């Protein structure tokens, strides 16, 4: 068997291309992958990456380029050099880096480990995992936990949501005088709400299509719930709007924002869009006193945080490379029919 990887992320692919993949149904994508002859497969789809890990019979002639071709057909447009292609040991090392938060926009982020777990669980439920992929993803989760336990890689901003709040703090200096409107109530919105409350934001409002979930999150952060159909009116009150819904199309357009600005008496409105696909239409850039920040705009804050953790990054990388080499030796032995043991520690064998 050959372990294959084809994927793209925030470092290799433009936002529009990532958006085209972000709207795909993971379960259906895995089903189509199986129909093309790949015996095992796991899809990791987050706001900043879309990666396919697959197993193909060694004598099938299938390689990472074939998996990239599948990815291109799913995207419905050429991906060219925007996609990286890896096999066997290189694919193992990359997955361990992903699970450890070393390949994230926010290095050391905590959300990615849960996303890897969820991706693995979905593939397992779809019947797309087998011995190699089961051990591979269990191992990646172990390595991700170990990196966070043994290094301080997760000190500082640890998620896109927390970096977004840092950006808001830079804009206003003190959030205690700011009214913030959160669009969405998923895991990223939950992190937003908790972080905003810890920064003593004056007012937190939550608008979500599922009203009950929106009310729950508003209650958790001592905020108020806004009915989904009324959030356009709430734009007239908020100082900062942070969008984080799973909508496949923009929910905030220039017309909606333009109406809200008429009643703001010249007060500026700051929109921070951390959704994938994007929630805020680019057209709002053309409105007076409206400022839109997107995922790319968070990179300056991320770079500063990373500089402060260079030593921890090196320690984390050493752990990843050591464990990736260990797993690759096991993978080679399985492919050669002479399986060696693989342990999580000196006392815990997992194979």
Protein backbone atom coordinates (compact mmCIF):
# COMPACT_ATOMS: atom_id res chain seq x y z
CA UNK A 1 0.00 0.00 0.00
CA UNK A 2 1.12 3.56 -0.69
CA UNK A 3 0.11 6.39 1.62
CA UNK A 4 -0.78 9.43 -0.48
CA UNK A 5 -1.56 13.06 0.32
CA UNK A 6 -2.89 15.85 -1.86
CA UNK A 7 -3.96 19.14 -0.32
CA UNK A 8 -3.83 22.88 -0.23
CA UNK A 9 -3.80 25.43 2.53
CA UNK A 10 -3.53 29.13 3.35
CA UNK A 11 0.13 29.15 2.32
CA UNK A 12 -0.32 27.60 -1.12
CA UNK A 13 -3.79 28.43 -2.41
CA UNK A 14 -5.72 31.69 -2.90
CA UNK A 15 -8.89 32.22 -0.93
CA UNK A 16 -11.33 31.73 -3.88
CA UNK A 17 -9.90 28.27 -4.58
CA UNK A 18 -10.13 27.25 -0.92
CA UNK A 19 -13.71 28.47 -0.88
CA UNK A 20 -14.68 26.19 -3.77
CA UNK A 21 -13.49 23.19 -1.79
CA UNK A 22 -14.89 24.38 1.54
CA UNK A 23 -18.49 23.93 0.37
CA UNK A 24 -18.05 20.23 -0.51
CA UNK A 25 -19.81 17.61 1.56
CA UNK A 26 -17.06 15.53 3.27
CA UNK A 27 -19.08 12.31 3.30
CA UNK A 28 -19.93 12.50 -0.38
CA UNK A 29 -16.35 13.41 -1.25
CA UNK A 30 -15.08 10.30 0.55
CA UNK A 31 -17.68 8.19 -1.25
CA UNK A 32 -16.46 9.48 -4.60
CA UNK A 33 -12.87 8.82 -3.53
CA UNK A 34 -13.70 5.18 -2.83
CA UNK A 35 -15.40 4.85 -6.22
CA UNK A 36 -12.08 5.83 -7.82
CA UNK A 37 -10.27 2.88 -6.30
CA UNK A 38 -8.70 4.32 -3.13
CA UNK A 39 -9.17 1.75 -0.37
CA UNK A 40 -8.80 4.10 2.61
CA UNK A 41 -9.19 7.84 2.87
CA UNK A 42 -9.51 10.68 5.38
CA UNK A 43 -10.43 14.26 4.52
CA UNK A 44 -9.36 17.19 6.69
CA UNK A 45 -11.33 20.31 5.79
CA UNK A 46 -10.92 23.46 7.90
CA UNK A 47 -11.06 27.20 7.30
CA UNK A 48 -7.44 27.16 6.14
CA UNK A 49 -6.86 23.76 4.55
CA UNK A 50 -8.35 20.96 2.46
CA UNK A 51 -6.33 17.74 2.56
CA UNK A 52 -6.96 14.20 1.36
CA UNK A 53 -5.00 11.28 2.80
CA UNK A 54 -5.54 8.02 0.93
CA UNK A 55 -4.22 4.49 0.59
CA UNK A 56 -3.75 2.84 -2.77
CA UNK A 57 -2.51 -0.68 -3.58
CA UNK A 58 1.23 -0.57 -4.27
CA UNK A 59 0.81 -2.32 -7.62
CA UNK A 60 -2.03 -0.02 -8.71
CA UNK A 61 0.32 2.61 -10.09
CA UNK A 62 -1.66 5.25 -8.20
CA UNK A 63 0.38 8.10 -6.73
CA UNK A 64 -0.12 11.50 -5.15
CA UNK A 65 -0.54 13.04 -8.59
CA UNK A 66 -3.65 10.87 -9.14
CA UNK A 67 -5.03 12.05 -5.81
CA UNK A 68 -4.33 15.66 -6.83
CA UNK A 69 -6.28 14.99 -10.03
CA UNK A 70 -9.24 13.87 -7.95
CA UNK A 71 -8.89 17.02 -5.85
CA UNK A 72 -8.88 19.15 -9.00
CA UNK A 73 -12.09 17.52 -10.24
CA UNK A 74 -13.70 18.19 -6.86
CA UNK A 75 -12.64 21.84 -7.04
CA UNK A 76 -14.01 22.16 -10.55
CA UNK A 77 -11.01 24.22 -11.65
CA UNK A 78 -7.24 23.81 -12.13
CA UNK A 79 -5.22 23.69 -8.93
CA UNK A 80 -1.71 23.36 -10.36
CA UNK A 81 1.01 24.32 -7.91
CA UNK A 82 -1.56 25.42 -5.32
CA UNK A 83 -1.77 21.77 -4.24
CA UNK A 84 1.02 19.91 -2.51
CA UNK A 85 1.53 16.23 -3.25
CA UNK A 86 3.28 13.87 -0.83
CA UNK A 87 3.72 10.15 -0.35
CA UNK A 88 4.52 7.79 2.51
CA UNK A 89 7.06 9.32 4.96
CA UNK A 90 6.55 12.87 3.72
CA UNK A 91 2.78 12.51 4.11
CA UNK A 92 3.21 11.14 7.64
CA UNK A 93 5.43 14.02 8.70
CA UNK A 94 3.01 16.57 7.25
CA UNK A 95 0.02 15.08 9.08
CA UNK A 96 1.92 15.10 12.37
CA UNK A 97 2.81 18.76 11.78
CA UNK A 98 -0.86 19.54 11.10
CA UNK A 99 -2.08 17.76 14.24
CA UNK A 100 0.59 19.53 16.31
CA UNK A 101 -0.47 22.96 15.05
CA UNK A 102 2.84 23.56 13.26
CA UNK A 103 1.24 24.01 9.84
CA UNK A 104 -1.59 26.31 10.93
CA UNK A 105 -2.12 29.99 10.26
CA UNK A 106 -1.94 30.38 14.04
CA UNK A 107 1.00 28.15 14.95
CA UNK A 108 0.20 26.05 18.00
CA UNK A 109 -3.54 26.48 17.62
CA UNK A 110 -5.65 24.16 19.72
CA UNK A 111 -8.67 23.80 17.41
CA UNK A 112 -6.87 21.76 14.75
CA UNK A 113 -6.37 18.71 16.97
CA UNK A 114 -10.12 18.44 17.48
CA UNK A 115 -10.65 18.91 13.75
CA UNK A 116 -8.25 16.06 12.98
CA UNK A 117 -10.15 13.85 15.46
CA UNK A 118 -13.48 14.76 13.87
CA UNK A 119 -12.14 14.13 10.36
CA UNK A 120 -10.88 10.71 11.37
CA UNK A 121 -14.19 9.85 13.08
CA UNK A 122 -16.14 10.86 9.97
CA UNK A 123 -13.96 8.69 7.72
CA UNK A 124 -14.27 5.78 10.11
CA UNK A 125 -18.05 6.14 10.16
CA UNK A 126 -18.03 6.18 6.35
CA UNK A 127 -16.12 2.91 6.27
CA UNK A 128 -13.09 4.56 4.70
CA UNK A 129 -10.46 3.63 7.29
CA UNK A 130 -8.42 0.46 7.69
CA UNK A 131 -5.38 -0.69 9.63
CA UNK A 132 -2.91 1.86 8.25
CA UNK A 133 -5.16 4.91 8.39
CA UNK A 134 -6.49 3.94 11.83
CA UNK A 135 -3.00 3.69 13.31
CA UNK A 136 -1.82 6.78 11.37
CA UNK A 137 -4.54 9.06 12.68
CA UNK A 138 -4.48 7.66 16.21
CA UNK A 139 -0.74 8.29 16.17
CA UNK A 140 -1.14 11.84 14.84
CA UNK A 141 -3.53 12.67 17.69
CA UNK A 142 -1.04 11.25 20.20
CA UNK A 143 1.80 13.33 18.70
CA UNK A 144 -0.37 16.47 18.68
CA UNK A 145 -1.14 16.02 22.38
CA UNK A 146 2.50 15.32 23.23
CA UNK A 147 3.71 18.48 21.47
CA UNK A 148 1.25 20.58 23.46
CA UNK A 149 2.16 18.84 26.72
CA UNK A 150 5.94 19.00 26.37
CA UNK A 151 6.35 22.43 24.77
CA UNK A 152 4.88 25.90 25.20
CA UNK A 153 3.92 26.08 21.52
CA UNK A 154 0.33 26.95 22.47
CA UNK A 155 1.23 29.91 24.67
CA UNK A 156 -0.24 33.11 23.25
CA UNK A 157 -3.03 33.34 20.65
CA UNK A 158 -4.05 29.73 19.96
CA UNK A 159 -6.86 30.05 17.43
CA UNK A 160 -8.03 32.18 14.55
CA UNK A 161 -10.80 33.41 16.83
CA UNK A 162 -8.39 34.62 19.52
CA UNK A 163 -6.25 36.37 16.89
CA UNK A 164 -9.40 38.10 15.60
CA UNK A 165 -10.07 39.42 19.10
CA UNK A 166 -6.44 40.56 19.33
CA UNK A 167 -7.00 42.49 16.11
CA UNK A 168 -10.10 44.11 17.57
CA UNK A 169 -8.11 45.08 20.66
CA UNK A 170 -5.43 46.69 18.49
CA UNK A 171 -8.04 48.72 16.65
CA UNK A 172 -9.81 50.01 19.75
CA UNK A 173 -7.17 49.65 22.45
CA UNK A 174 -9.77 48.77 25.05
CA UNK A 175 -12.84 46.65 24.32
CA UNK A 176 -14.64 47.81 27.45
CA UNK A 177 -16.26 50.56 25.40
CA UNK A 178 -17.10 48.36 22.41
CA UNK A 179 -20.28 46.61 21.32
CA UNK A 180 -19.48 43.40 19.43
CA UNK A 181 -21.84 41.41 17.23
CA UNK A 182 -20.94 37.77 16.54
CA UNK A 183 -22.53 36.15 13.50
CA UNK A 184 -22.62 32.39 14.07
CA UNK A 185 -22.62 30.08 17.09
CA UNK A 186 -20.28 27.24 16.11
CA UNK A 187 -17.02 26.25 17.78
CA UNK A 188 -15.15 29.28 16.46
CA UNK A 189 -17.91 31.60 17.62
CA UNK A 190 -17.78 29.99 21.06
CA UNK A 191 -14.07 30.76 21.30
CA UNK A 192 -14.78 34.31 20.17
CA UNK A 193 -17.43 34.78 22.84
CA UNK A 194 -15.23 33.44 25.65
CA UNK A 195 -12.26 35.55 24.56
CA UNK A 196 -14.35 38.71 24.21
CA UNK A 197 -15.80 38.23 27.67
CA UNK A 198 -12.31 37.74 29.12
CA UNK A 199 -11.32 41.05 27.47
CA UNK A 200 -14.31 42.78 29.14
CA UNK A 201 -16.12 43.76 25.95
CA UNK A 202 -18.89 46.19 26.87
CA UNK A 203 -21.60 44.31 25.02
CA UNK A 204 -21.67 40.97 23.19
CA UNK A 205 -24.55 40.11 20.88
CA UNK A 206 -24.97 36.80 19.04
CA UNK A 207 -27.02 36.18 15.91
CA UNK A 208 -27.38 32.63 14.58
CA UNK A 209 -29.74 30.88 12.17
CA UNK A 210 -30.47 28.30 14.85
CA UNK A 211 -32.05 30.65 17.37
CA UNK A 212 -31.82 28.25 20.28
CA UNK A 213 -28.07 27.75 19.85
CA UNK A 214 -27.63 31.49 19.49
CA UNK A 215 -29.47 32.09 22.74
CA UNK A 216 -27.37 29.46 24.51
CA UNK A 217 -24.12 31.06 23.41
CA UNK A 218 -25.37 34.54 24.31
CA UNK A 219 -26.24 33.27 27.77
CA UNK A 220 -22.81 31.64 28.18
CA UNK A 221 -21.03 34.93 27.54
CA UNK A 222 -23.48 37.14 29.47
CA UNK A 223 -24.54 38.68 26.17
CA UNK A 224 -27.80 39.03 24.30
CA UNK A 225 -29.27 37.01 21.46
CA UNK A 226 -30.36 38.73 18.26
CA UNK A 227 -32.91 36.97 16.02
CA UNK A 228 -31.22 36.04 12.76
CA UNK A 229 -33.58 38.10 10.62
CA UNK A 230 -32.80 41.18 12.71
CA UNK A 231 -29.00 41.10 12.55
CA UNK A 232 -28.93 43.69 9.69
CA UNK A 233 -30.47 46.20 12.12
CA UNK A 234 -27.88 45.27 14.76
CA UNK A 235 -25.15 46.40 12.36
CA UNK A 236 -26.24 49.97 13.10
CA UNK A 237 -25.34 49.53 16.78
CA UNK A 238 -22.20 47.37 16.82
CA UNK A 239 -18.68 48.76 16.78
CA UNK A 240 -17.21 45.44 15.66
CA UNK A 241 -18.85 42.61 13.73
CA UNK A 242 -17.08 39.24 13.64
CA UNK A 243 -18.51 36.80 11.10
CA UNK A 244 -18.06 33.07 11.63
CA UNK A 245 -20.98 31.17 10.07
CA UNK A 246 -20.94 28.11 7.81
CA UNK A 247 -22.98 29.82 5.09
CA UNK A 248 -21.79 28.82 1.58
CA UNK A 249 -22.49 32.35 0.34
CA UNK A 250 -21.90 35.86 1.81
CA UNK A 251 -24.48 36.94 4.38
CA UNK A 252 -23.28 40.55 4.72
CA UNK A 253 -23.27 42.61 1.52
CA UNK A 254 -22.65 46.26 0.72
CA UNK A 255 -26.35 47.05 0.44
CA UNK A 256 -27.06 45.72 3.94
CA UNK A 257 -24.08 47.55 5.43
CA UNK A 258 -24.92 50.71 3.50
CA UNK A 259 -28.37 50.86 5.07
CA UNK A 260 -26.88 50.38 8.53
CA UNK A 261 -24.31 53.14 7.98
CA UNK A 262 -27.01 55.73 7.31
CA UNK A 263 -28.02 55.65 10.96
CA UNK A 264 -24.50 55.53 12.43
CA UNK A 265 -23.85 59.27 12.13
CA UNK A 266 -20.39 58.74 10.66
CA UNK A 267 -19.30 56.16 13.23
CA UNK A 268 -16.89 53.64 11.75
CA UNK A 269 -17.83 49.97 11.46
CA UNK A 270 -15.18 47.26 11.65
CA UNK A 271 -15.96 43.88 10.09
CA UNK A 272 -13.72 40.87 10.78
CA UNK A 273 -14.48 37.88 8.56
CA UNK A 274 -12.98 34.58 9.76
CA UNK A 275 -15.40 32.29 7.95
CA UNK A 276 -14.67 29.89 5.12
CA UNK A 277 -16.29 30.42 2.66
CA UNK A 278 -16.28 34.15 3.36
CA UNK A 279 -19.33 35.66 5.06
CA UNK A 280 -18.73 39.29 4.07
CA UNK A 281 -18.84 40.45 0.46
CA UNK A 282 -15.75 42.32 -0.75
CA UNK A 283 -18.00 45.16 -1.93
CA UNK A 284 -18.22 46.62 1.57
CA UNK A 285 -14.66 47.90 1.05
CA UNK A 286 -16.07 50.67 -1.09
CA UNK A 287 -18.25 52.15 1.66
CA UNK A 288 -17.13 55.18 3.67
CA UNK A 289 -16.11 54.48 7.30
CA UNK A 290 -16.35 50.69 6.77
CA UNK A 291 -13.26 48.55 7.34
CA UNK A 292 -13.10 44.86 6.43
CA UNK A 293 -10.44 42.50 7.77
CA UNK A 294 -10.09 38.97 6.43
CA UNK A 295 -8.05 35.88 7.26
CA UNK A 296 -5.05 37.26 5.38
CA UNK A 297 -5.06 40.40 7.52
CA UNK A 298 -4.49 38.36 10.68
CA UNK A 299 -1.07 37.22 9.49
CA UNK A 300 0.84 40.18 10.99
CA UNK A 301 -0.37 39.34 14.50
CA UNK A 302 0.40 35.68 13.87
CA UNK A 303 3.96 36.49 12.72
CA UNK A 304 4.66 38.48 15.88
CA UNK A 305 3.37 35.68 18.09
CA UNK A 306 5.44 33.13 16.21
CA UNK A 307 8.64 35.15 16.64
CA UNK A 308 8.15 35.02 20.40
CA UNK A 309 7.90 31.21 20.30
CA UNK A 310 10.75 30.28 17.98
CA UNK A 311 12.48 28.12 20.61
CA UNK A 312 9.30 26.20 21.37
CA UNK A 313 8.68 25.75 17.65
CA UNK A 314 12.08 24.06 17.30
CA UNK A 315 11.35 21.75 20.23
CA UNK A 316 7.97 20.85 18.77
CA UNK A 317 9.51 20.19 15.35
CA UNK A 318 12.03 17.78 16.86
CA UNK A 319 9.23 15.77 18.48
CA UNK A 320 7.28 15.67 15.23
CA UNK A 321 10.25 14.57 13.14
CA UNK A 322 11.25 11.90 15.66
CA UNK A 323 7.75 10.42 15.81
CA UNK A 324 7.22 10.72 12.05
CA UNK A 325 10.44 8.77 11.41
CA UNK A 326 9.35 6.15 13.94
CA UNK A 327 5.96 5.77 12.26
CA UNK A 328 7.51 5.66 8.78
CA UNK A 329 9.69 2.72 9.83
CA UNK A 330 6.56 0.93 11.02
CA UNK A 331 4.75 1.76 7.78
CA UNK A 332 7.64 0.39 5.72
CA UNK A 333 7.62 -2.82 7.76
CA UNK A 334 3.88 -3.28 7.21
CA UNK A 335 4.26 -2.79 3.46
CA UNK A 336 7.10 -5.31 3.40
CA UNK A 337 5.15 -7.89 5.41
CA UNK A 338 7.48 -7.84 8.44
CA UNK A 339 5.50 -5.63 10.83
CA UNK A 340 7.45 -4.25 13.76
CA UNK A 341 5.88 -2.92 16.96
CA UNK A 342 4.89 0.72 17.36
CA UNK A 343 4.42 2.25 20.78
CA UNK A 344 3.02 5.50 22.12
CA UNK A 345 5.60 5.27 24.87
CA UNK A 346 8.01 2.71 26.24
CA UNK A 347 5.05 1.12 28.02
CA UNK A 348 2.19 1.47 25.53
CA UNK A 349 2.16 -0.54 22.32
CA UNK A 350 -0.48 0.49 19.78
CA UNK A 351 0.13 -1.94 16.92
